[in-house]
């Protein structure tokens, strides 16, 4: 796996089929954390994403991405 900070990648806050919310690295089946409350998962996901300098994708209950935060890896090329 990667060593140190990543120059890319994503982390996701996703609904767990058994209830609650998980924080996962993009492409991983393993959870970095499980939370009963979505806001707790979002808060932890932001901490992890900032440390890893990744994008954070926050999913809705239906699994669709509802919000996205950039933490050091903004794919957009917009000046200003």
N, C-alpha and C. Protein backbone atom coordinates (compact mmCIF):
# COMPACT_ATOMS: atom_id res chain seq x y z
N UNK A 1 0.83 -1.19 0.00
CA UNK A 1 0.00 0.00 0.00
C UNK A 1 0.87 1.25 0.00
N UNK A 2 0.24 2.41 0.04
CA UNK A 2 0.96 3.66 -0.03
C UNK A 2 1.61 3.99 1.30
N UNK A 3 2.70 4.73 1.22
CA UNK A 3 3.40 5.17 2.41
C UNK A 3 3.27 6.68 2.50
N UNK A 4 3.04 7.19 3.70
CA UNK A 4 2.95 8.62 3.88
C UNK A 4 1.68 9.20 3.31
N UNK A 5 1.74 10.50 3.02
CA UNK A 5 0.55 11.17 2.51
C UNK A 5 0.34 10.85 1.05
N UNK A 6 -0.92 10.73 0.70
CA UNK A 6 -1.31 10.40 -0.66
C UNK A 6 -1.38 11.68 -1.49
N UNK A 7 -1.06 11.58 -2.77
CA UNK A 7 -1.22 12.73 -3.66
C UNK A 7 -2.56 12.66 -4.37
N UNK A 8 -3.37 11.69 -4.06
CA UNK A 8 -4.67 11.55 -4.70
C UNK A 8 -5.52 10.57 -3.94
N UNK A 9 -6.68 10.27 -4.51
CA UNK A 9 -7.55 9.30 -3.89
C UNK A 9 -8.76 9.95 -3.24
N UNK A 10 -9.59 9.10 -2.68
CA UNK A 10 -10.82 9.57 -2.06
C UNK A 10 -11.10 8.82 -0.77
N UNK A 11 -11.88 9.43 0.07
CA UNK A 11 -12.50 8.78 1.22
C UNK A 11 -13.99 9.03 1.09
N UNK A 12 -14.78 8.10 1.60
CA UNK A 12 -16.23 8.19 1.46
C UNK A 12 -16.91 7.97 2.80
N UNK A 13 -17.97 8.73 3.04
CA UNK A 13 -18.90 8.47 4.14
C UNK A 13 -20.10 7.81 3.48
N UNK A 14 -20.34 6.54 3.83
CA UNK A 14 -21.37 5.76 3.15
C UNK A 14 -22.32 5.11 4.16
N UNK A 15 -23.58 4.91 3.77
CA UNK A 15 -24.50 4.21 4.67
C UNK A 15 -24.11 2.74 4.77
N UNK A 16 -24.19 2.19 5.98
CA UNK A 16 -23.93 0.77 6.19
C UNK A 16 -25.24 0.02 6.05
N UNK A 17 -25.28 -1.06 5.29
CA UNK A 17 -26.55 -1.79 5.09
C UNK A 17 -27.16 -2.33 6.39
N UNK A 18 -26.35 -2.47 7.43
CA UNK A 18 -26.86 -2.95 8.72
C UNK A 18 -27.20 -1.81 9.67
N UNK A 19 -27.15 -0.59 9.18
CA UNK A 19 -27.45 0.59 9.99
C UNK A 19 -26.20 1.39 10.28
N UNK A 20 -26.39 2.68 10.46
CA UNK A 20 -25.26 3.56 10.74
C UNK A 20 -24.52 3.97 9.48
N UNK A 21 -23.31 4.49 9.70
CA UNK A 21 -22.51 5.05 8.62
C UNK A 21 -21.07 4.59 8.74
N UNK A 22 -20.41 4.40 7.60
CA UNK A 22 -19.01 3.98 7.57
C UNK A 22 -18.17 5.04 6.87
N UNK A 23 -16.91 5.12 7.26
CA UNK A 23 -15.91 5.91 6.56
C UNK A 23 -15.00 4.91 5.87
N UNK A 24 -14.84 5.05 4.55
CA UNK A 24 -14.03 4.11 3.77
C UNK A 24 -13.11 4.85 2.81
N UNK A 25 -11.97 4.26 2.57
CA UNK A 25 -11.07 4.72 1.52
C UNK A 25 -11.67 4.28 0.19
N UNK A 26 -11.59 5.10 -0.83
CA UNK A 26 -12.13 4.75 -2.14
C UNK A 26 -11.58 3.43 -2.64
N UNK A 27 -12.45 2.52 -3.06
CA UNK A 27 -12.06 1.22 -3.59
C UNK A 27 -11.85 0.15 -2.54
N UNK A 28 -12.01 0.50 -1.27
CA UNK A 28 -11.81 -0.47 -0.19
C UNK A 28 -13.14 -1.01 0.32
N UNK A 29 -13.14 -2.28 0.66
CA UNK A 29 -14.32 -2.89 1.28
C UNK A 29 -14.28 -2.74 2.79
N UNK A 30 -13.11 -2.45 3.32
CA UNK A 30 -12.92 -2.35 4.76
C UNK A 30 -13.19 -0.93 5.24
N UNK A 31 -13.89 -0.82 6.35
CA UNK A 31 -14.25 0.48 6.91
C UNK A 31 -13.13 1.02 7.79
N UNK A 32 -12.89 2.33 7.72
CA UNK A 32 -11.95 2.99 8.61
C UNK A 32 -12.62 3.35 9.93
N UNK A 33 -13.95 3.28 9.96
CA UNK A 33 -14.70 3.58 11.17
C UNK A 33 -16.18 3.41 10.92
N UNK A 34 -16.91 3.02 11.98
CA UNK A 34 -18.36 2.87 11.89
C UNK A 34 -18.99 3.77 12.95
N UNK A 35 -20.07 4.47 12.56
CA UNK A 35 -20.72 5.44 13.43
C UNK A 35 -22.23 5.30 13.34
N UNK A 36 -22.90 5.50 14.46
CA UNK A 36 -24.36 5.45 14.48
C UNK A 36 -24.97 6.70 13.87
N UNK A 37 -24.28 7.83 14.02
CA UNK A 37 -24.79 9.13 13.57
C UNK A 37 -23.97 9.61 12.37
N UNK A 38 -24.65 10.04 11.32
CA UNK A 38 -23.98 10.48 10.09
C UNK A 38 -22.99 11.61 10.37
N UNK A 39 -23.36 12.59 11.19
CA UNK A 39 -22.48 13.73 11.44
C UNK A 39 -21.17 13.28 12.10
N UNK A 40 -21.23 12.28 12.96
CA UNK A 40 -20.01 11.75 13.57
C UNK A 40 -19.10 11.13 12.51
N UNK A 41 -19.70 10.42 11.55
CA UNK A 41 -18.93 9.82 10.46
C UNK A 41 -18.33 10.90 9.57
N UNK A 42 -19.09 11.97 9.30
CA UNK A 42 -18.60 13.07 8.47
C UNK A 42 -17.43 13.75 9.15
N UNK A 43 -17.55 14.01 10.45
CA UNK A 43 -16.47 14.66 11.20
C UNK A 43 -15.19 13.83 11.15
N UNK A 44 -15.31 12.53 11.37
CA UNK A 44 -14.14 11.65 11.33
C UNK A 44 -13.60 11.53 9.91
N UNK A 45 -14.50 11.44 8.94
CA UNK A 45 -14.07 11.38 7.54
C UNK A 45 -13.28 12.61 7.13
N UNK A 46 -13.69 13.77 7.61
CA UNK A 46 -12.96 15.02 7.30
C UNK A 46 -11.56 14.99 7.92
N UNK A 47 -11.45 14.49 9.15
CA UNK A 47 -10.12 14.38 9.78
C UNK A 47 -9.21 13.47 8.97
N UNK A 48 -9.72 12.31 8.61
CA UNK A 48 -8.94 11.34 7.84
C UNK A 48 -8.56 11.92 6.49
N UNK A 49 -9.52 12.56 5.82
CA UNK A 49 -9.30 13.12 4.49
C UNK A 49 -8.27 14.25 4.53
N UNK A 50 -8.34 15.09 5.54
CA UNK A 50 -7.34 16.16 5.68
C UNK A 50 -5.94 15.59 5.86
N UNK A 51 -5.83 14.60 6.74
CA UNK A 51 -4.52 13.98 6.99
C UNK A 51 -3.95 13.30 5.75
N UNK A 52 -4.80 12.68 4.97
CA UNK A 52 -4.37 11.95 3.77
C UNK A 52 -4.36 12.84 2.53
N UNK A 53 -4.87 14.07 2.66
CA UNK A 53 -4.97 15.02 1.53
C UNK A 53 -5.73 14.41 0.37
N UNK A 54 -6.95 13.92 0.67
CA UNK A 54 -7.80 13.29 -0.35
C UNK A 54 -9.11 14.05 -0.49
N UNK A 55 -9.90 13.64 -1.47
CA UNK A 55 -11.26 14.13 -1.62
C UNK A 55 -12.15 13.37 -0.65
N UNK A 56 -13.13 14.04 -0.08
CA UNK A 56 -14.11 13.38 0.78
C UNK A 56 -15.46 13.44 0.09
N UNK A 57 -16.03 12.27 -0.16
CA UNK A 57 -17.35 12.16 -0.78
C UNK A 57 -18.34 11.73 0.30
N UNK A 58 -19.35 12.55 0.52
CA UNK A 58 -20.35 12.27 1.55
C UNK A 58 -21.62 11.81 0.85
N UNK A 59 -22.00 10.57 1.09
CA UNK A 59 -23.14 9.96 0.43
C UNK A 59 -24.42 10.16 1.23
N UNK A 60 -25.55 10.18 0.52
CA UNK A 60 -26.87 10.21 1.16
C UNK A 60 -27.27 8.79 1.52
N UNK A 61 -28.38 8.64 2.20
CA UNK A 61 -28.88 7.33 2.61
C UNK A 61 -29.10 6.41 1.40
N UNK A 62 -29.45 7.00 0.23
CA UNK A 62 -29.68 6.18 -0.97
C UNK A 62 -28.38 5.78 -1.68
N UNK A 63 -27.24 6.20 -1.13
CA UNK A 63 -25.95 5.83 -1.69
C UNK A 63 -25.37 6.83 -2.67
N UNK A 64 -26.16 7.80 -3.10
CA UNK A 64 -25.68 8.80 -4.05
C UNK A 64 -24.86 9.86 -3.33
N UNK A 65 -23.87 10.41 -4.02
CA UNK A 65 -23.03 11.45 -3.44
C UNK A 65 -23.84 12.73 -3.28
N UNK A 66 -23.89 13.22 -2.05
CA UNK A 66 -24.64 14.43 -1.77
C UNK A 66 -23.75 15.64 -1.58
N UNK A 67 -22.49 15.40 -1.21
CA UNK A 67 -21.56 16.50 -0.95
C UNK A 67 -20.14 16.01 -1.18
N UNK A 68 -19.26 16.91 -1.58
CA UNK A 68 -17.87 16.55 -1.81
C UNK A 68 -16.98 17.66 -1.27
N UNK A 69 -15.94 17.29 -0.53
CA UNK A 69 -14.98 18.25 0.02
C UNK A 69 -13.59 17.90 -0.49
N UNK A 70 -12.81 18.93 -0.82
CA UNK A 70 -11.44 18.73 -1.25
C UNK A 70 -10.49 19.08 -0.11
N UNK A 71 -9.56 18.19 0.17
CA UNK A 71 -8.58 18.42 1.22
C UNK A 71 -7.18 18.23 0.66
N UNK A 72 -6.79 19.16 -0.21
CA UNK A 72 -5.44 19.11 -0.76
C UNK A 72 -5.34 18.44 -2.11
N UNK A 73 -6.43 17.96 -2.65
CA UNK A 73 -6.39 17.30 -3.96
C UNK A 73 -7.59 17.76 -4.77
N UNK A 74 -7.64 19.03 -5.08
CA UNK A 74 -8.76 19.57 -5.84
C UNK A 74 -8.55 19.32 -7.32
N UNK A 75 -9.39 18.48 -7.95
CA UNK A 75 -9.19 18.14 -9.34
C UNK A 75 -9.55 19.27 -10.31
N UNK A 76 -10.28 20.27 -9.83
CA UNK A 76 -10.67 21.37 -10.71
C UNK A 76 -9.49 22.30 -10.95
N UNK A 77 -9.42 22.86 -12.12
CA UNK A 77 -8.33 23.76 -12.48
C UNK A 77 -8.90 25.16 -12.66
N UNK A 78 -9.34 25.77 -11.57
CA UNK A 78 -9.96 27.09 -11.61
C UNK A 78 -9.06 28.08 -10.88
N UNK A 79 -8.74 29.18 -11.56
CA UNK A 79 -7.92 30.21 -10.93
C UNK A 79 -8.79 31.11 -10.06
N UNK A 80 -8.17 31.58 -8.97
CA UNK A 80 -8.88 32.56 -8.15
C UNK A 80 -9.30 32.12 -6.83
